[in-house]
Every structure is written in structure tokens, then in C-alpha cells.
Amino acid sequence: MGRGRQKAKHTKVARELKYFSPATNYSELERELASGHVSDEERWADLADKYNVEDDDAEDDDK
């Protein structure tokens, strides 16, 4: 495919994306916004508590 055809295709796709407006599901949006929001700090702390495993073998290797 030549550069002119390729550019035209990209322009067509970009135009379609620019003017594309999907139907908004307001009830789903309301449900998402109303749900309990967990801050990033709380989320990372929960993950750290869940997956933080102390490795006793690593301490033995340092000695």
C-alpha cells in the first residue's frame, strides 16, 4: 500500500474516532461513582500487606 493510501486510511480512522460518541449508560455510571472509592494509598497498602513475604533465606545468604 502506498503512502498516500495509508495516510488516507489513517485520516479516515482518525475522523471516525473523533466524531464517534457511544451511547452513555448513566445508570452504570451512577453505580460506579456511588461505589466505595478506595484511594491509591489504601490500595497499595492492601497489596503490600497481602503479598509482602519476608524471605528468611535472603538474610542467611548475606551472612
PDB file of N, CA and C in Angstrom:
ATOM      1  N   MET A   1       0.850  -1.171   0.000  1.00  0.00           N
ATOM      2  CA  MET A   1       0.000   0.000   0.000  1.00  0.00           C
ATOM      3  C   MET A   1       0.900   1.240   0.000  1.00  0.00           C
ATOM      4  N   GLY A   2       0.617   2.153  -0.872  1.00  0.00           N
ATOM      5  CA  GLY A   2       1.414   3.369  -0.959  1.00  0.00           C
ATOM      6  C   GLY A   2       1.162   4.307   0.203  1.00  0.00           C
ATOM      7  N   ARG A   3       2.081   5.248   0.366  1.00  0.00           N
ATOM      8  CA  ARG A   3       1.995   6.183   1.494  1.00  0.00           C
ATOM      9  C   ARG A   3       0.717   7.030   1.430  1.00  0.00           C
ATOM     10  N   GLY A   4       0.296   7.399   0.231  1.00  0.00           N
ATOM     11  CA  GLY A   4      -0.912   8.220   0.088  1.00  0.00           C
ATOM     12  C   GLY A   4      -2.155   7.481   0.539  1.00  0.00           C
ATOM     13  N   ARG A   5      -2.254   6.219   0.147  1.00  0.00           N
ATOM     14  CA  ARG A   5      -3.407   5.418   0.559  1.00  0.00           C
ATOM     15  C   ARG A   5      -3.375   5.152   2.054  1.00  0.00           C
ATOM     16  N   GLN A   6      -2.182   4.912   2.584  1.00  0.00           N
ATOM     17  CA  GLN A   6      -2.033   4.652   4.017  1.00  0.00           C
ATOM     18  C   GLN A   6      -2.440   5.878   4.828  1.00  0.00           C
ATOM     19  N   LYS A   7      -1.983   7.056   4.386  1.00  0.00           N
ATOM     20  CA  LYS A   7      -2.331   8.288   5.092  1.00  0.00           C
ATOM     21  C   LYS A   7      -3.831   8.550   5.023  1.00  0.00           C
ATOM     22  N   ALA A   8      -4.430   8.282   3.873  1.00  0.00           N
ATOM     23  CA  ALA A   8      -5.872   8.483   3.725  1.00  0.00           C
ATOM     24  C   ALA A   8      -6.643   7.556   4.658  1.00  0.00           C
ATOM     25  N   LYS A   9      -6.152   6.323   4.786  1.00  0.00           N
ATOM     26  CA  LYS A   9      -6.809   5.371   5.672  1.00  0.00           C
ATOM     27  C   LYS A   9      -6.714   5.826   7.132  1.00  0.00           C
ATOM     28  N   HIS A  10      -5.525   6.302   7.527  1.00  0.00           N
ATOM     29  CA  HIS A  10      -5.342   6.800   8.895  1.00  0.00           C
ATOM     30  C   HIS A  10      -6.212   8.027   9.154  1.00  0.00           C
ATOM     31  N   THR A  11      -6.323   8.882   8.159  1.00  0.00           N
ATOM     32  CA  THR A  11      -7.166  10.075   8.297  1.00  0.00           C
ATOM     33  C   THR A  11      -8.626   9.675   8.477  1.00  0.00           C
ATOM     34  N   LYS A  12      -9.056   8.677   7.705  1.00  0.00           N
ATOM     35  CA  LYS A  12     -10.438   8.209   7.807  1.00  0.00           C
ATOM     36  C   LYS A  12     -10.717   7.635   9.197  1.00  0.00           C
ATOM     37  N   VAL A  13      -9.791   6.816   9.701  1.00  0.00           N
ATOM     38  CA  VAL A  13      -9.966   6.223  11.030  1.00  0.00           C
ATOM     39  C   VAL A  13      -9.967   7.311  12.093  1.00  0.00           C
ATOM     40  N   ALA A  14      -9.049   8.270  11.983  1.00  0.00           N
ATOM     41  CA  ALA A  14      -8.987   9.362  12.964  1.00  0.00           C
ATOM     42  C   ALA A  14     -10.282  10.165  12.963  1.00  0.00           C
ATOM     43  N   ARG A  15     -10.831  10.416  11.787  1.00  0.00           N
ATOM     44  CA  ARG A  15     -12.079  11.174  11.701  1.00  0.00           C
ATOM     45  C   ARG A  15     -13.232  10.400  12.339  1.00  0.00           C
ATOM     46  N   GLU A  16     -13.270   9.081  12.086  1.00  0.00           N
ATOM     47  CA  GLU A  16     -14.317   8.260  12.693  1.00  0.00           C
ATOM     48  C   GLU A  16     -14.217   8.275  14.215  1.00  0.00           C
ATOM     49  N   LEU A  17     -13.000   8.193  14.739  1.00  0.00           N
ATOM     50  CA  LEU A  17     -12.825   8.215  16.190  1.00  0.00           C
ATOM     51  C   LEU A  17     -13.177   9.574  16.781  1.00  0.00           C
ATOM     52  N   LYS A  18     -12.849  10.632  16.054  1.00  0.00           N
ATOM     53  CA  LYS A  18     -13.116  11.983  16.552  1.00  0.00           C
ATOM     54  C   LYS A  18     -14.613  12.230  16.735  1.00  0.00           C
ATOM     55  N   TYR A  19     -15.404  11.765  15.788  1.00  0.00           N
ATOM     56  CA  TYR A  19     -16.828  12.047  15.829  1.00  0.00           C
ATOM     57  C   TYR A  19     -17.662  10.908  16.392  1.00  0.00           C
ATOM     58  N   PHE A  20     -17.013   9.852  16.869  1.00  0.00           N
ATOM     59  CA  PHE A  20     -17.714   8.720  17.450  1.00  0.00           C
ATOM     60  C   PHE A  20     -18.154   9.073  18.865  1.00  0.00           C
ATOM     61  N   SER A  21     -19.423   8.910  19.151  1.00  0.00           N
ATOM     62  CA  SER A  21     -19.904   9.156  20.506  1.00  0.00           C
ATOM     63  C   SER A  21     -20.818   7.996  20.907  1.00  0.00           C
ATOM     64  N   PRO A  22     -20.291   7.089  21.723  1.00  0.00           N
ATOM     65  CA  PRO A  22     -21.103   5.944  22.132  1.00  0.00           C
ATOM     66  C   PRO A  22     -22.238   6.382  23.052  1.00  0.00           C
ATOM     67  N   ALA A  23     -23.251   5.564  23.105  1.00  0.00           N
ATOM     68  CA  ALA A  23     -24.375   5.840  23.997  1.00  0.00           C
ATOM     69  C   ALA A  23     -23.893   5.733  25.439  1.00  0.00           C
ATOM     70  N   THR A  24     -24.233   6.698  26.249  1.00  0.00           N
ATOM     71  CA  THR A  24     -23.802   6.713  27.644  1.00  0.00           C
ATOM     72  C   THR A  24     -24.836   6.013  28.509  1.00  0.00           C
ATOM     73  N   ASN A  25     -24.367   5.067  29.294  1.00  0.00           N
ATOM     74  CA  ASN A  25     -25.226   4.347  30.218  1.00  0.00           C
ATOM     75  C   ASN A  25     -25.134   5.055  31.576  1.00  0.00           C
ATOM     76  N   TYR A  26     -26.059   5.952  31.826  1.00  0.00           N
ATOM     77  CA  TYR A  26     -25.997   6.772  33.031  1.00  0.00           C
ATOM     78  C   TYR A  26     -26.218   5.974  34.307  1.00  0.00           C
ATOM     79  N   SER A  27     -27.018   4.931  34.251  1.00  0.00           N
ATOM     80  CA  SER A  27     -27.241   4.132  35.459  1.00  0.00           C
ATOM     81  C   SER A  27     -25.957   3.393  35.845  1.00  0.00           C
ATOM     82  N   GLU A  28     -25.218   2.881  34.861  1.00  0.00           N
ATOM     83  CA  GLU A  28     -23.942   2.218  35.144  1.00  0.00           C
ATOM     84  C   GLU A  28     -22.921   3.225  35.677  1.00  0.00           C
ATOM     85  N   LEU A  29     -22.900   4.414  35.105  1.00  0.00           N
ATOM     86  CA  LEU A  29     -22.005   5.465  35.572  1.00  0.00           C
ATOM     87  C   LEU A  29     -22.324   5.854  37.009  1.00  0.00           C
ATOM     88  N   GLU A  30     -23.609   5.994  37.318  1.00  0.00           N
ATOM     89  CA  GLU A  30     -24.022   6.336  38.675  1.00  0.00           C
ATOM     90  C   GLU A  30     -23.612   5.246  39.663  1.00  0.00           C
ATOM     91  N   ARG A  31     -23.775   3.999  39.272  1.00  0.00           N
ATOM     92  CA  ARG A  31     -23.391   2.877  40.140  1.00  0.00           C
ATOM     93  C   ARG A  31     -21.883   2.887  40.401  1.00  0.00           C
ATOM     94  N   GLU A  32     -21.102   3.174  39.362  1.00  0.00           N
ATOM     95  CA  GLU A  32     -19.654   3.207  39.507  1.00  0.00           C
ATOM     96  C   GLU A  32     -19.213   4.355  40.412  1.00  0.00           C
ATOM     97  N   LEU A  33     -19.831   5.505  40.241  1.00  0.00           N
ATOM     98  CA  LEU A  33     -19.462   6.664  41.051  1.00  0.00           C
ATOM     99  C   LEU A  33     -19.948   6.532  42.492  1.00  0.00           C
ATOM    100  N   ALA A  34     -21.044   5.831  42.708  1.00  0.00           N
ATOM    101  CA  ALA A  34     -21.603   5.692  44.046  1.00  0.00           C
ATOM    102  C   ALA A  34     -20.879   4.617  44.855  1.00  0.00           C
ATOM    103  N   SER A  35     -20.171   3.734  44.173  1.00  0.00           N
ATOM    104  CA  SER A  35     -19.487   2.665  44.901  1.00  0.00           C
ATOM    105  C   SER A  35     -18.379   3.253  45.764  1.00  0.00           C
ATOM    106  N   GLY A  36     -17.997   2.514  46.790  1.00  0.00           N
ATOM    107  CA  GLY A  36     -16.955   2.985  47.693  1.00  0.00           C
ATOM    108  C   GLY A  36     -15.647   3.168  46.960  1.00  0.00           C
ATOM    109  N   HIS A  37     -15.072   4.336  47.077  1.00  0.00           N
ATOM    110  CA  HIS A  37     -13.820   4.637  46.400  1.00  0.00           C
ATOM    111  C   HIS A  37     -12.667   4.368  47.348  1.00  0.00           C
ATOM    112  N   VAL A  38     -11.721   3.601  46.879  1.00  0.00           N
ATOM    113  CA  VAL A  38     -10.541   3.295  47.666  1.00  0.00           C
ATOM    114  C   VAL A  38      -9.402   4.121  47.103  1.00  0.00           C
ATOM    115  N   SER A  39      -8.716   4.860  47.969  1.00  0.00           N
ATOM    116  CA  SER A  39      -7.618   5.691  47.499  1.00  0.00           C
ATOM    117  C   SER A  39      -6.455   4.813  47.047  1.00  0.00           C
ATOM    118  N   ASP A  40      -5.578   5.393  46.252  1.00  0.00           N
ATOM    119  CA  ASP A  40      -4.424   4.648  45.759  1.00  0.00           C
ATOM    120  C   ASP A  40      -3.532   4.182  46.901  1.00  0.00           C
ATOM    121  N   GLU A  41      -3.374   5.021  47.922  1.00  0.00           N
ATOM    122  CA  GLU A  41      -2.542   4.641  49.058  1.00  0.00           C
ATOM    123  C   GLU A  41      -3.107   3.414  49.771  1.00  0.00           C
ATOM    124  N   GLU A  42      -4.425   3.394  49.971  1.00  0.00           N
ATOM    125  CA  GLU A  42      -5.061   2.248  50.623  1.00  0.00           C
ATOM    126  C   GLU A  42      -4.930   0.998  49.759  1.00  0.00           C
ATOM    127  N   ARG A  43      -5.080   1.152  48.457  1.00  0.00           N
ATOM    128  CA  ARG A  43      -4.981   0.014  47.550  1.00  0.00           C
ATOM    129  C   ARG A  43      -3.569  -0.571  47.591  1.00  0.00           C
ATOM    130  N   TRP A  44      -2.544   0.292  47.550  1.00  0.00           N
ATOM    131  CA  TRP A  44      -1.163  -0.194  47.591  1.00  0.00           C
ATOM    132  C   TRP A  44      -0.837  -0.810  48.941  1.00  0.00           C
ATOM    133  N   ALA A  45      -1.364  -0.240  49.999  1.00  0.00           N
ATOM    134  CA  ALA A  45      -1.113  -0.793  51.331  1.00  0.00           C
ATOM    135  C   ALA A  45      -1.736  -2.187  51.448  1.00  0.00           C
ATOM    136  N   ASP A  46      -2.939  -2.344  50.921  1.00  0.00           N
ATOM    137  CA  ASP A  46      -3.588  -3.661  50.950  1.00  0.00           C
ATOM    138  C   ASP A  46      -2.786  -4.689  50.165  1.00  0.00           C
ATOM    139  N   LEU A  47      -2.298  -4.290  49.002  1.00  0.00           N
ATOM    140  CA  LEU A  47      -1.497  -5.209  48.197  1.00  0.00           C
ATOM    141  C   LEU A  47      -0.172  -5.544  48.877  1.00  0.00           C
ATOM    142  N   ALA A  48       0.445  -4.551  49.512  1.00  0.00           N
ATOM    143  CA  ALA A  48       1.706  -4.788  50.204  1.00  0.00           C
ATOM    144  C   ALA A  48       1.494  -5.759  51.358  1.00  0.00           C
ATOM    145  N   ASP A  49       0.409  -5.579  52.103  1.00  0.00           N
ATOM    146  CA  ASP A  49       0.119  -6.493  53.213  1.00  0.00           C
ATOM    147  C   ASP A  49      -0.154  -7.903  52.698  1.00  0.00           C
ATOM    148  N   LYS A  50      -0.803  -7.979  51.559  1.00  0.00           N
ATOM    149  CA  LYS A  50      -1.190  -9.281  51.023  1.00  0.00           C
ATOM    150  C   LYS A  50       0.007 -10.048  50.457  1.00  0.00           C
ATOM    151  N   TYR A  51       0.909  -9.351  49.761  1.00  0.00           N
ATOM    152  CA  TYR A  51       1.969 -10.039  49.041  1.00  0.00           C
ATOM    153  C   TYR A  51       3.359  -9.852  49.631  1.00  0.00           C
ATOM    154  N   ASN A  52       3.502  -9.074  50.659  1.00  0.00           N
ATOM    155  CA  ASN A  52       4.811  -8.855  51.253  1.00  0.00           C
ATOM    156  C   ASN A  52       5.183 -10.073  52.097  1.00  0.00           C
ATOM    157  N   VAL A  53       6.150 -10.834  51.615  1.00  0.00           N
ATOM    158  CA  VAL A  53       6.585 -12.041  52.303  1.00  0.00           C
ATOM    159  C   VAL A  53       8.052 -11.855  52.668  1.00  0.00           C
ATOM    160  N   GLU A  54       8.338 -11.997  53.924  1.00  0.00           N
ATOM    161  CA  GLU A  54       9.727 -11.866  54.341  1.00  0.00           C
ATOM    162  C   GLU A  54      10.472 -13.130  53.949  1.00  0.00           C
ATOM    163  N   ASP A  55      11.627 -12.947  53.364  1.00  0.00           N
ATOM    164  CA  ASP A  55      12.418 -14.060  52.869  1.00  0.00           C
ATOM    165  C   ASP A  55      13.565 -14.316  53.838  1.00  0.00           C
ATOM    166  N   ASP A  56      13.442 -15.334  54.669  1.00  0.00           N
ATOM    167  CA  ASP A  56      14.477 -15.657  55.637  1.00  0.00           C
ATOM    168  C   ASP A  56      15.750 -16.159  54.960  1.00  0.00           C
ATOM    169  N   ASP A  57      15.609 -16.789  53.786  1.00  0.00           N
ATOM    170  CA  ASP A  57      16.769 -17.301  53.075  1.00  0.00           C
ATOM    171  C   ASP A  57      17.678 -16.176  52.617  1.00  0.00           C
ATOM    172  N   ALA A  58      17.102 -15.022  52.261  1.00  0.00           N
ATOM    173  CA  ALA A  58      17.915 -13.906  51.798  1.00  0.00           C
ATOM    174  C   ALA A  58      18.819 -13.398  52.919  1.00  0.00           C
ATOM    175  N   GLU A  59      18.333 -13.422  54.143  1.00  0.00           N
ATOM    176  CA  GLU A  59      19.141 -12.974  55.266  1.00  0.00           C
ATOM    177  C   GLU A  59      20.293 -13.932  55.498  1.00  0.00           C
ATOM    178  N   ASP A  60      20.093 -15.248  55.327  1.00  0.00           N
ATOM    179  CA  ASP A  60      21.140 -16.239  55.523  1.00  0.00           C
ATOM    180  C   ASP A  60      22.240 -16.107  54.480  1.00  0.00           C
ATOM    181  N   ASP A  61      21.874 -15.676  53.264  1.00  0.00           N
ATOM    182  CA  ASP A  61      22.865 -15.527  52.204  1.00  0.00           C
ATOM    183  C   ASP A  61      23.808 -14.361  52.476  1.00  0.00           C
ATOM    184  N   ASP A  62      23.309 -13.340  53.188  1.00  0.00           N
ATOM    185  CA  ASP A  62      24.127 -12.155  53.486  1.00  0.00           C
ATOM    186  C   ASP A  62      25.181 -12.430  54.529  1.00  0.00           C
ATOM    187  N   LYS A  63      25.017 -13.447  55.321  1.00  0.00           N
ATOM    188  CA  LYS A  63      25.940 -13.725  56.427  1.00  0.00           C
ATOM    189  C   LYS A  63      27.190 -14.409  55.943  1.00  0.00           C
TER     190      LYS A  63
END
